[in-house]
Amino acid sequence: MIKRFSFVLTSALLLTACSQGGHQDLVAYTEQVRSSSVPNAEPLPEMPELQRIDYNGRTFRNPFEPAPLNAPSVGENTKGCPQPNLEREREELESLGLDQFTLVGTMRTNSEGQVALVSTNQGRLYRVAMGDYMGLNLGQITEITSDYIMIAEWVPAGDGCWQRRDTALRLPGSQGSSDL
């Protein structure tokens, strides 16, 4: 009983000490600071009137179509510059970049010799042989070994000439760089 009484008395003293009665000076100071402080924000500068421009998309390239290759037109070969065959019909594997292919394996056949199996990142499996084209840069398979396939790509140099770049597509886990 005495413990209960001392607990109630201690609680009452704590609640009385925390009451608002002794904070009038703090409330008055807060009101004084609020009334005397005025923000010093400078007015916003006058914004200039914007000129209206009509958009005419016919003079710009359509962003939903592939960009044209920076190459001279067919028959306008630059002298002394190597040129790929731009007149041939593009194959199915030339619609994907080389980074979307994975070399699955290679095998030797009686009719075609060394062939390779490549899969796309969509899960489709293709059989390719020497001379087949693949990749976005007019790449042609020039070598097939048990560890990699070598692809010779044509990259536009921007001045009407083309540069040949050899890229290797390797089996996953095999050693070596992808660009040789």
C-alpha atoms as a PDB file:
ATOM      1  CA  MET A   1       0.000   0.000   0.000  1.00  0.00           C
ATOM      2  CA  ILE A   2       2.814   2.394   0.873  1.00  0.00           C
ATOM      3  CA  LYS A   3       4.537   1.540  -2.386  1.00  0.00           C
ATOM      4  CA  ARG A   4       1.378   2.302  -4.308  1.00  0.00           C
ATOM      5  CA  PHE A   5       0.929   5.631  -2.520  1.00  0.00           C
ATOM      6  CA  SER A   6       4.571   6.644  -3.151  1.00  0.00           C
ATOM      7  CA  PHE A   7       4.223   5.710  -6.823  1.00  0.00           C
ATOM      8  CA  VAL A   8       1.081   7.850  -7.225  1.00  0.00           C
ATOM      9  CA  LEU A   9       2.739  10.771  -5.415  1.00  0.00           C
ATOM     10  CA  THR A  10       5.892  10.550  -7.565  1.00  0.00           C
ATOM     11  CA  SER A  11       3.800  10.391 -10.765  1.00  0.00           C
ATOM     12  CA  ALA A  12       1.787  13.436  -9.735  1.00  0.00           C
ATOM     13  CA  LEU A  13       4.969  15.442  -9.018  1.00  0.00           C
ATOM     14  CA  LEU A  14       6.460  14.537 -12.385  1.00  0.00           C
ATOM     15  CA  LEU A  15       3.292  15.506 -14.229  1.00  0.00           C
ATOM     16  CA  THR A  16       3.128  18.814 -12.359  1.00  0.00           C
ATOM     17  CA  ALA A  17       6.751  19.590 -13.211  1.00  0.00           C
ATOM     18  CA  CYS A  18       6.054  19.021 -16.910  1.00  0.00           C
ATOM     19  CA  SER A  19       2.944  21.225 -17.026  1.00  0.00           C
ATOM     20  CA  GLN A  20       2.644  24.383 -19.194  1.00  0.00           C
ATOM     21  CA  GLY A  21       2.396  26.722 -16.190  1.00  0.00           C
ATOM     22  CA  GLY A  22       6.137  27.432 -15.942  1.00  0.00           C
ATOM     23  CA  HIS A  23       6.734  28.121 -19.631  1.00  0.00           C
ATOM     24  CA  GLN A  24       5.085  31.525 -20.105  1.00  0.00           C
ATOM     25  CA  ASP A  25       8.465  33.218 -20.643  1.00  0.00           C
ATOM     26  CA  LEU A  26       9.343  30.677 -23.351  1.00  0.00           C
ATOM     27  CA  VAL A  27       5.992  31.166 -25.103  1.00  0.00           C
ATOM     28  CA  ALA A  28       6.409  34.971 -25.000  1.00  0.00           C
ATOM     29  CA  TYR A  29       9.931  34.757 -26.468  1.00  0.00           C
ATOM     30  CA  THR A  30       8.721  32.478 -29.268  1.00  0.00           C
ATOM     31  CA  GLU A  31       5.925  34.916 -30.158  1.00  0.00           C
ATOM     32  CA  GLN A  32       8.384  37.840 -30.174  1.00  0.00           C
ATOM     33  CA  VAL A  33      10.768  36.033 -32.551  1.00  0.00           C
ATOM     34  CA  ARG A  34       7.925  35.074 -34.872  1.00  0.00           C
ATOM     35  CA  SER A  35       6.601  38.621 -35.085  1.00  0.00           C
ATOM     36  CA  SER A  36       9.993  40.302 -35.523  1.00  0.00           C
ATOM     37  CA  SER A  37      11.476  37.995 -38.175  1.00  0.00           C
ATOM     38  CA  VAL A  38      10.460  38.738 -41.744  1.00  0.00           C
ATOM     39  CA  PRO A  39      11.967  36.610 -44.544  1.00  0.00           C
ATOM     40  CA  ASN A  40      14.294  38.465 -46.941  1.00  0.00           C
ATOM     41  CA  ALA A  41      13.403  36.708 -50.183  1.00  0.00           C
ATOM     42  CA  GLU A  42      14.194  38.771 -53.254  1.00  0.00           C
ATOM     43  CA  PRO A  43      11.472  38.822 -55.876  1.00  0.00           C
ATOM     44  CA  LEU A  44      11.912  36.422 -58.774  1.00  0.00           C
ATOM     45  CA  PRO A  45      13.406  37.913 -61.932  1.00  0.00           C
ATOM     46  CA  GLU A  46      11.116  38.664 -64.831  1.00  0.00           C
ATOM     47  CA  MET A  47      11.024  35.647 -67.139  1.00  0.00           C
ATOM     48  CA  PRO A  48      11.415  36.415 -70.848  1.00  0.00           C
ATOM     49  CA  GLU A  49       8.562  35.558 -73.148  1.00  0.00           C
ATOM     50  CA  LEU A  50       9.384  32.360 -75.055  1.00  0.00           C
ATOM     51  CA  GLN A  51       9.065  32.360 -78.811  1.00  0.00           C
ATOM     52  CA  ARG A  52       6.775  29.691 -80.193  1.00  0.00           C
ATOM     53  CA  ILE A  53       8.410  27.383 -82.769  1.00  0.00           C
ATOM     54  CA  ASP A  54       6.336  25.091 -84.947  1.00  0.00           C
ATOM     55  CA  TYR A  55       7.697  21.539 -85.119  1.00  0.00           C
ATOM     56  CA  ASN A  56       8.008  20.111 -88.601  1.00  0.00           C
ATOM     57  CA  GLY A  57       9.217  16.527 -88.330  1.00  0.00           C
ATOM     58  CA  ARG A  58       9.594  16.039 -92.077  1.00  0.00           C
ATOM     59  CA  THR A  59      13.048  17.630 -92.103  1.00  0.00           C
ATOM     60  CA  PHE A  60      14.431  15.356 -89.367  1.00  0.00           C
ATOM     61  CA  ARG A  61      15.277  11.647 -89.303  1.00  0.00           C
ATOM     62  CA  ASN A  62      12.478   9.382 -88.050  1.00  0.00           C
ATOM     63  CA  PRO A  63      13.682   8.019 -84.668  1.00  0.00           C
ATOM     64  CA  PHE A  64      11.691   4.815 -85.183  1.00  0.00           C
ATOM     65  CA  GLU A  65      13.639   3.744 -88.277  1.00  0.00           C
ATOM     66  CA  PRO A  66      17.246   2.501 -88.263  1.00  0.00           C
ATOM     67  CA  ALA A  67      19.851   5.150 -88.982  1.00  0.00           C
ATOM     68  CA  PRO A  68      21.331   4.992 -92.480  1.00  0.00           C
ATOM     69  CA  LEU A  69      24.895   3.763 -92.844  1.00  0.00           C
ATOM     70  CA  ASN A  70      27.478   6.494 -93.421  1.00  0.00           C
ATOM     71  CA  ALA A  71      28.577   5.122 -96.737  1.00  0.00           C
ATOM     72  CA  PRO A  72      28.722   6.390-100.263  1.00  0.00           C
ATOM     73  CA  SER A  73      25.898   5.316-102.507  1.00  0.00           C
ATOM     74  CA  VAL A  74      26.217   2.076-104.444  1.00  0.00           C
ATOM     75  CA  GLY A  75      28.621   2.467-107.349  1.00  0.00           C
ATOM     76  CA  GLU A  76      30.242   5.571-105.832  1.00  0.00           C
ATOM     77  CA  ASN A  77      33.199   3.708-104.320  1.00  0.00           C
ATOM     78  CA  THR A  78      36.002   5.855-103.026  1.00  0.00           C
ATOM     79  CA  LYS A  79      39.294   5.010-104.709  1.00  0.00           C
ATOM     80  CA  GLY A  80      41.705   3.084-102.518  1.00  0.00           C
ATOM     81  CA  CYS A  81      39.137   2.373 -99.792  1.00  0.00           C
ATOM     82  CA  PRO A  82      37.968  -1.142 -98.957  1.00  0.00           C
ATOM     83  CA  GLN A  83      34.232  -1.536 -99.442  1.00  0.00           C
ATOM     84  CA  PRO A  84      31.786  -4.255 -98.341  1.00  0.00           C
ATOM     85  CA  ASN A  85      29.201  -5.663-100.708  1.00  0.00           C
ATOM     86  CA  LEU A  86      26.198  -3.435 -99.995  1.00  0.00           C
ATOM     87  CA  GLU A  87      24.163  -4.831-102.902  1.00  0.00           C
ATOM     88  CA  ARG A  88      23.674  -8.312-101.456  1.00  0.00           C
ATOM     89  CA  GLU A  89      20.495  -9.253 -99.640  1.00  0.00           C
ATOM     90  CA  ARG A  90      20.791  -9.205 -95.838  1.00  0.00           C
ATOM     91  CA  GLU A  91      20.378 -12.488 -93.938  1.00  0.00           C
ATOM     92  CA  GLU A  92      18.236 -13.192 -90.867  1.00  0.00           C
ATOM     93  CA  LEU A  93      21.133 -13.160 -88.371  1.00  0.00           C
ATOM     94  CA  GLU A  94      22.138  -9.660 -89.482  1.00  0.00           C
ATOM     95  CA  SER A  95      19.201  -8.130 -87.622  1.00  0.00           C
ATOM     96  CA  LEU A  96      20.855  -8.771 -84.223  1.00  0.00           C
ATOM     97  CA  GLY A  97      24.064  -7.407 -82.736  1.00  0.00           C
ATOM     98  CA  LEU A  98      26.939  -9.792 -81.971  1.00  0.00           C
ATOM     99  CA  ASP A  99      26.469  -9.132 -78.243  1.00  0.00           C
ATOM    100  CA  GLN A 100      23.111 -10.943 -78.473  1.00  0.00           C
ATOM    101  CA  PHE A 101      24.696 -14.203 -79.661  1.00  0.00           C
ATOM    102  CA  THR A 102      26.252 -16.975 -77.568  1.00  0.00           C
ATOM    103  CA  LEU A 103      28.419 -19.680 -79.092  1.00  0.00           C
ATOM    104  CA  VAL A 104      26.967 -23.008 -77.984  1.00  0.00           C
ATOM    105  CA  GLY A 105      29.372 -25.354 -79.750  1.00  0.00           C
ATOM    106  CA  THR A 106      31.063 -26.418 -82.962  1.00  0.00           C
ATOM    107  CA  MET A 107      31.003 -29.638 -84.948  1.00  0.00           C
ATOM    108  CA  ARG A 108      32.378 -31.092 -88.167  1.00  0.00           C
ATOM    109  CA  THR A 109      30.051 -32.371 -90.877  1.00  0.00           C
ATOM    110  CA  ASN A 110      30.839 -34.292 -94.041  1.00  0.00           C
ATOM    111  CA  SER A 111      29.053 -31.871 -96.356  1.00  0.00           C
ATOM    112  CA  GLU A 112      29.848 -28.422 -94.880  1.00  0.00           C
ATOM    113  CA  GLY A 113      32.990 -29.070 -92.874  1.00  0.00           C
ATOM    114  CA  GLN A 114      33.229 -27.132 -89.593  1.00  0.00           C
ATOM    115  CA  VAL A 115      29.926 -25.545 -88.468  1.00  0.00           C
ATOM    116  CA  ALA A 116      28.922 -23.746 -85.282  1.00  0.00           C
ATOM    117  CA  LEU A 117      25.761 -23.526 -83.198  1.00  0.00           C
ATOM    118  CA  VAL A 118      24.877 -20.082 -81.854  1.00  0.00           C
ATOM    119  CA  SER A 119      21.913 -19.091 -79.716  1.00  0.00           C
ATOM    120  CA  THR A 120      20.324 -15.674 -79.371  1.00  0.00           C
ATOM    121  CA  ASN A 121      19.284 -14.036 -76.135  1.00  0.00           C
ATOM    122  CA  GLN A 122      15.685 -14.879 -77.131  1.00  0.00           C
ATOM    123  CA  GLY A 123      16.574 -18.597 -76.933  1.00  0.00           C
ATOM    124  CA  ARG A 124      16.632 -19.423 -80.670  1.00  0.00           C
ATOM    125  CA  LEU A 125      19.353 -21.768 -81.914  1.00  0.00           C
ATOM    126  CA  TYR A 126      21.024 -21.280 -85.309  1.00  0.00           C
ATOM    127  CA  ARG A 127      23.526 -23.338 -87.301  1.00  0.00           C
ATOM    128  CA  VAL A 128      26.159 -21.203 -89.064  1.00  0.00           C
ATOM    129  CA  ALA A 129      28.965 -22.127 -91.445  1.00  0.00           C
ATOM    130  CA  MET A 130      31.942 -20.426 -93.073  1.00  0.00           C
ATOM    131  CA  GLY A 131      30.867 -17.448 -95.173  1.00  0.00           C
ATOM    132  CA  ASP A 132      27.546 -16.884 -93.363  1.00  0.00           C
ATOM    133  CA  TYR A 133      26.715 -13.328 -92.332  1.00  0.00           C
ATOM    134  CA  MET A 134      25.714 -12.268 -88.817  1.00  0.00           C
ATOM    135  CA  GLY A 135      25.670  -9.096 -86.712  1.00  0.00           C
ATOM    136  CA  LEU A 136      24.655  -5.533 -87.465  1.00  0.00           C
ATOM    137  CA  ASN A 137      27.993  -4.515 -89.039  1.00  0.00           C
ATOM    138  CA  LEU A 138      27.924  -6.727 -92.158  1.00  0.00           C
ATOM    139  CA  GLY A 139      29.894  -9.417 -90.303  1.00  0.00           C
ATOM    140  CA  GLN A 140      30.951 -12.533 -92.198  1.00  0.00           C
ATOM    141  CA  ILE A 141      32.223 -15.727 -90.548  1.00  0.00           C
ATOM    142  CA  THR A 142      35.828 -16.259 -91.648  1.00  0.00           C
ATOM    143  CA  GLU A 143      37.024 -19.000 -89.266  1.00  0.00           C
ATOM    144  CA  ILE A 144      35.441 -21.691 -87.096  1.00  0.00           C
ATOM    145  CA  THR A 145      37.514 -23.512 -84.485  1.00  0.00           C
ATOM    146  CA  SER A 146      36.564 -25.695 -81.549  1.00  0.00           C
ATOM    147  CA  ASP A 147      36.750 -22.685 -79.148  1.00  0.00           C
ATOM    148  CA  TYR A 148      35.556 -19.694 -81.173  1.00  0.00           C
ATOM    149  CA  ILE A 149      34.242 -18.350 -84.443  1.00  0.00           C
ATOM    150  CA  MET A 150      35.940 -15.375 -86.093  1.00  0.00           C
ATOM    151  CA  ILE A 151      33.733 -12.741 -87.681  1.00  0.00           C
ATOM    152  CA  ALA A 152      35.051 -10.017 -90.007  1.00  0.00           C
ATOM    153  CA  GLU A 153      32.859  -6.927 -89.595  1.00  0.00           C
ATOM    154  CA  TRP A 154      32.755  -3.767 -91.702  1.00  0.00           C
ATOM    155  CA  VAL A 155      32.507  -0.512 -89.757  1.00  0.00           C
ATOM    156  CA  PRO A 156      31.955   2.809 -91.571  1.00  0.00           C
ATOM    157  CA  ALA A 157      34.855   5.213 -90.987  1.00  0.00           C
ATOM    158  CA  GLY A 158      32.710   8.276 -91.670  1.00  0.00           C
ATOM    159  CA  ASP A 159      34.651   9.526 -94.707  1.00  0.00           C
ATOM    160  CA  GLY A 160      33.111   7.127 -97.211  1.00  0.00           C
ATOM    161  CA  CYS A 161      35.622   4.392 -96.427  1.00  0.00           C
ATOM    162  CA  TRP A 162      35.083   1.275 -94.350  1.00  0.00           C
ATOM    163  CA  GLN A 163      37.305  -0.421 -91.798  1.00  0.00           C
ATOM    164  CA  ARG A 164      37.444  -4.170 -91.326  1.00  0.00           C
ATOM    165  CA  ARG A 165      37.342  -5.394 -87.730  1.00  0.00           C
ATOM    166  CA  ASP A 166      37.810  -9.002 -86.640  1.00  0.00           C
ATOM    167  CA  THR A 167      35.710 -10.115 -83.673  1.00  0.00           C
ATOM    168  CA  ALA A 168      35.755 -13.531 -82.016  1.00  0.00           C
ATOM    169  CA  LEU A 169      32.639 -15.113 -80.568  1.00  0.00           C
ATOM    170  CA  ARG A 170      33.959 -17.545 -77.946  1.00  0.00           C
ATOM    171  CA  LEU A 171      32.494 -20.443 -76.021  1.00  0.00           C
ATOM    172  CA  PRO A 172      31.428 -19.380 -72.518  1.00  0.00           C
ATOM    173  CA  GLY A 173      34.210 -20.027 -70.040  1.00  0.00           C
ATOM    174  CA  SER A 174      37.003 -20.138 -72.618  1.00  0.00           C
ATOM    175  CA  GLN A 175      40.062 -17.907 -72.226  1.00  0.00           C
ATOM    176  CA  GLY A 176      40.836 -14.867 -74.353  1.00  0.00           C
ATOM    177  CA  SER A 177      39.482 -11.561 -75.485  1.00  0.00           C
ATOM    178  CA  SER A 178      36.423 -11.224 -77.705  1.00  0.00           C
ATOM    179  CA  ASP A 179      38.242  -8.730 -79.985  1.00  0.00           C
ATOM    180  CA  LEU A 180      41.320 -10.088 -81.720  1.00  0.00           C
END
